[in-house]
Amino acid sequence: MAKLLQEQIALNLSKIPGWSSEGSRYIERTITFADFRQALAFVNQVGEFAEAANHHPDIDIRYNKVTIRLSTHEENGLTGKDFALAQKLNSITLPQSKAI
């Protein structure tokens, strides 16, 4: 899959609420949950989607905060795979959570 241009990144980013980018290197989202148990349940759901897509994000868990970072390592940047997975991750039910 081809690496996206900055204009393509901006367009795709506008379609996935809660996500931000660091130039053309990666997109990320941080979500705060009520407690560690909810954060961990969310991460387990992320793992299911990631395995199905064969595209694995970087995940950082800090008690009740989870940061997901997506990048296509083979392309050293962002591709359509990253945005497709971000859209799927946004469909995960987030009980008692708020995005930062």
C-alpha atoms as a PDB file:
ATOM      1  CA  MET A   1       0.000   0.000   0.000  1.00  0.00           C
ATOM      2  CA  ALA A   2       1.354   3.430  -0.945  1.00  0.00           C
ATOM      3  CA  LYS A   3       2.323   6.060   1.587  1.00  0.00           C
ATOM      4  CA  LEU A   4      -0.226   8.893   1.703  1.00  0.00           C
ATOM      5  CA  LEU A   5       0.506  12.514   0.838  1.00  0.00           C
ATOM      6  CA  GLN A   6      -0.167  15.238   3.423  1.00  0.00           C
ATOM      7  CA  GLU A   7      -3.370  16.315   1.627  1.00  0.00           C
ATOM      8  CA  GLN A   8      -4.666  12.736   1.685  1.00  0.00           C
ATOM      9  CA  ILE A   9      -3.795  12.443   5.368  1.00  0.00           C
ATOM     10  CA  ALA A  10      -5.725  15.625   6.193  1.00  0.00           C
ATOM     11  CA  LEU A  11      -8.775  14.432   4.242  1.00  0.00           C
ATOM     12  CA  ASN A  12      -8.775  10.997   5.887  1.00  0.00           C
ATOM     13  CA  LEU A  13      -8.162  12.483   9.333  1.00  0.00           C
ATOM     14  CA  SER A  14     -11.264  14.662   8.960  1.00  0.00           C
ATOM     15  CA  LYS A  15     -13.325  11.450   8.682  1.00  0.00           C
ATOM     16  CA  ILE A  16     -12.185   9.864  11.966  1.00  0.00           C
ATOM     17  CA  PRO A  17     -13.193  11.894  15.031  1.00  0.00           C
ATOM     18  CA  GLY A  18     -10.835  11.905  17.988  1.00  0.00           C
ATOM     19  CA  TRP A  19      -7.661  11.140  16.023  1.00  0.00           C
ATOM     20  CA  SER A  20      -4.735  13.491  15.441  1.00  0.00           C
ATOM     21  CA  SER A  21      -1.551  13.252  13.414  1.00  0.00           C
ATOM     22  CA  GLU A  22       2.109  13.977  13.843  1.00  0.00           C
ATOM     23  CA  GLY A  23       2.860  15.074  10.296  1.00  0.00           C
ATOM     24  CA  SER A  24       2.840  12.063   7.999  1.00  0.00           C
ATOM     25  CA  ARG A  25       4.446   9.639  10.474  1.00  0.00           C
ATOM     26  CA  TYR A  26       1.468   8.390  12.508  1.00  0.00           C
ATOM     27  CA  ILE A  27      -2.041   9.044  13.774  1.00  0.00           C
ATOM     28  CA  GLU A  28      -3.045   8.629  17.399  1.00  0.00           C
ATOM     29  CA  ARG A  29      -5.918   8.813  19.814  1.00  0.00           C
ATOM     30  CA  THR A  30      -5.991   8.896  23.613  1.00  0.00           C
ATOM     31  CA  ILE A  31      -9.077   7.755  25.495  1.00  0.00           C
ATOM     32  CA  THR A  32      -9.693   8.040  29.237  1.00  0.00           C
ATOM     33  CA  PHE A  33     -11.777   5.354  30.946  1.00  0.00           C
ATOM     34  CA  ALA A  34     -13.329   5.135  34.392  1.00  0.00           C
ATOM     35  CA  ASP A  35     -10.713   2.637  35.569  1.00  0.00           C
ATOM     36  CA  PHE A  36      -7.982   0.189  34.541  1.00  0.00           C
ATOM     37  CA  ARG A  37     -10.447  -2.655  33.970  1.00  0.00           C
ATOM     38  CA  GLN A  38     -12.347  -0.672  31.313  1.00  0.00           C
ATOM     39  CA  ALA A  39      -9.097   0.447  29.686  1.00  0.00           C
ATOM     40  CA  LEU A  40      -7.925  -3.141  29.484  1.00  0.00           C
ATOM     41  CA  ALA A  41     -11.250  -4.329  28.038  1.00  0.00           C
ATOM     42  CA  PHE A  42     -10.925  -1.673  25.330  1.00  0.00           C
ATOM     43  CA  VAL A  43      -7.367  -2.773  24.531  1.00  0.00           C
ATOM     44  CA  ASN A  44      -8.549  -6.366  24.188  1.00  0.00           C
ATOM     45  CA  GLN A  45     -11.157  -5.224  21.648  1.00  0.00           C
ATOM     46  CA  VAL A  46      -8.460  -3.276  19.795  1.00  0.00           C
ATOM     47  CA  GLY A  47      -6.409  -6.462  19.658  1.00  0.00           C
ATOM     48  CA  GLU A  48      -9.271  -8.362  18.021  1.00  0.00           C
ATOM     49  CA  PHE A  49      -9.648  -5.739  15.268  1.00  0.00           C
ATOM     50  CA  ALA A  50      -5.886  -5.495  14.786  1.00  0.00           C
ATOM     51  CA  GLU A  51      -5.498  -9.262  14.389  1.00  0.00           C
ATOM     52  CA  ALA A  52      -8.364  -9.400  11.897  1.00  0.00           C
ATOM     53  CA  ALA A  53      -6.767  -6.598   9.858  1.00  0.00           C
ATOM     54  CA  ASN A  54      -3.230  -7.964  10.292  1.00  0.00           C
ATOM     55  CA  HIS A  55      -2.229  -4.398  11.177  1.00  0.00           C
ATOM     56  CA  HIS A  56      -0.982  -3.857  14.705  1.00  0.00           C
ATOM     57  CA  PRO A  57      -0.937  -0.508  16.517  1.00  0.00           C
ATOM     58  CA  ASP A  58       1.370   0.724  19.219  1.00  0.00           C
ATOM     59  CA  ILE A  59      -0.629   0.747  22.449  1.00  0.00           C
ATOM     60  CA  ASP A  60       0.246   2.598  25.653  1.00  0.00           C
ATOM     61  CA  ILE A  61      -1.811   1.930  28.775  1.00  0.00           C
ATOM     62  CA  ARG A  62      -1.424   4.264  31.760  1.00  0.00           C
ATOM     63  CA  TYR A  63      -3.935   3.114  34.367  1.00  0.00           C
ATOM     64  CA  ASN A  64      -7.178   4.458  32.858  1.00  0.00           C
ATOM     65  CA  LYS A  65      -5.718   6.137  29.752  1.00  0.00           C
ATOM     66  CA  VAL A  66      -5.056   4.309  26.514  1.00  0.00           C
ATOM     67  CA  THR A  67      -3.152   5.823  23.607  1.00  0.00           C
ATOM     68  CA  ILE A  68      -3.347   4.077  20.250  1.00  0.00           C
ATOM     69  CA  ARG A  69      -0.784   4.997  17.605  1.00  0.00           C
ATOM     70  CA  LEU A  70      -1.098   3.786  14.015  1.00  0.00           C
ATOM     71  CA  SER A  71       1.546   3.780  11.302  1.00  0.00           C
ATOM     72  CA  THR A  72       2.453   1.464   8.447  1.00  0.00           C
ATOM     73  CA  HIS A  73       6.003   0.508   9.338  1.00  0.00           C
ATOM     74  CA  GLU A  74       6.797  -1.011   5.924  1.00  0.00           C
ATOM     75  CA  GLU A  75       6.060   2.372   4.316  1.00  0.00           C
ATOM     76  CA  ASN A  76       7.611   4.414   7.138  1.00  0.00           C
ATOM     77  CA  GLY A  77       4.460   6.513   7.335  1.00  0.00           C
ATOM     78  CA  LEU A  78       0.710   6.514   6.899  1.00  0.00           C
ATOM     79  CA  THR A  79      -1.307   4.460   4.432  1.00  0.00           C
ATOM     80  CA  GLY A  80      -4.958   3.661   3.922  1.00  0.00           C
ATOM     81  CA  LYS A  81      -4.506   0.695   6.285  1.00  0.00           C
ATOM     82  CA  ASP A  82      -4.015   3.077   9.206  1.00  0.00           C
ATOM     83  CA  PHE A  83      -7.193   5.028   8.535  1.00  0.00           C
ATOM     84  CA  ALA A  84      -9.252   1.898   7.888  1.00  0.00           C
ATOM     85  CA  LEU A  85      -8.193   0.470  11.249  1.00  0.00           C
ATOM     86  CA  ALA A  86      -8.796   3.815  13.010  1.00  0.00           C
ATOM     87  CA  GLN A  87     -12.371   3.820  11.678  1.00  0.00           C
ATOM     88  CA  LYS A  88     -12.904   0.290  12.999  1.00  0.00           C
ATOM     89  CA  LEU A  89     -11.453   1.231  16.383  1.00  0.00           C
ATOM     90  CA  ASN A  90     -13.831   4.195  16.580  1.00  0.00           C
ATOM     91  CA  SER A  91     -16.718   1.726  16.333  1.00  0.00           C
ATOM     92  CA  ILE A  92     -15.750   0.064  19.628  1.00  0.00           C
ATOM     93  CA  THR A  93     -18.308   0.847  22.315  1.00  0.00           C
ATOM     94  CA  LEU A  94     -16.648   3.035  24.912  1.00  0.00           C
ATOM     95  CA  PRO A  95     -18.730   2.899  28.104  1.00  0.00           C
ATOM     96  CA  GLN A  96     -18.102   5.786  30.490  1.00  0.00           C
ATOM     97  CA  SER A  97     -15.179   7.129  28.512  1.00  0.00           C
ATOM     98  CA  LYS A  98     -14.138  10.460  27.152  1.00  0.00           C
ATOM     99  CA  ALA A  99     -11.684  11.166  24.380  1.00  0.00           C
ATOM    100  CA  ILE A 100      -8.895  13.631  24.984  1.00  0.00           C
END
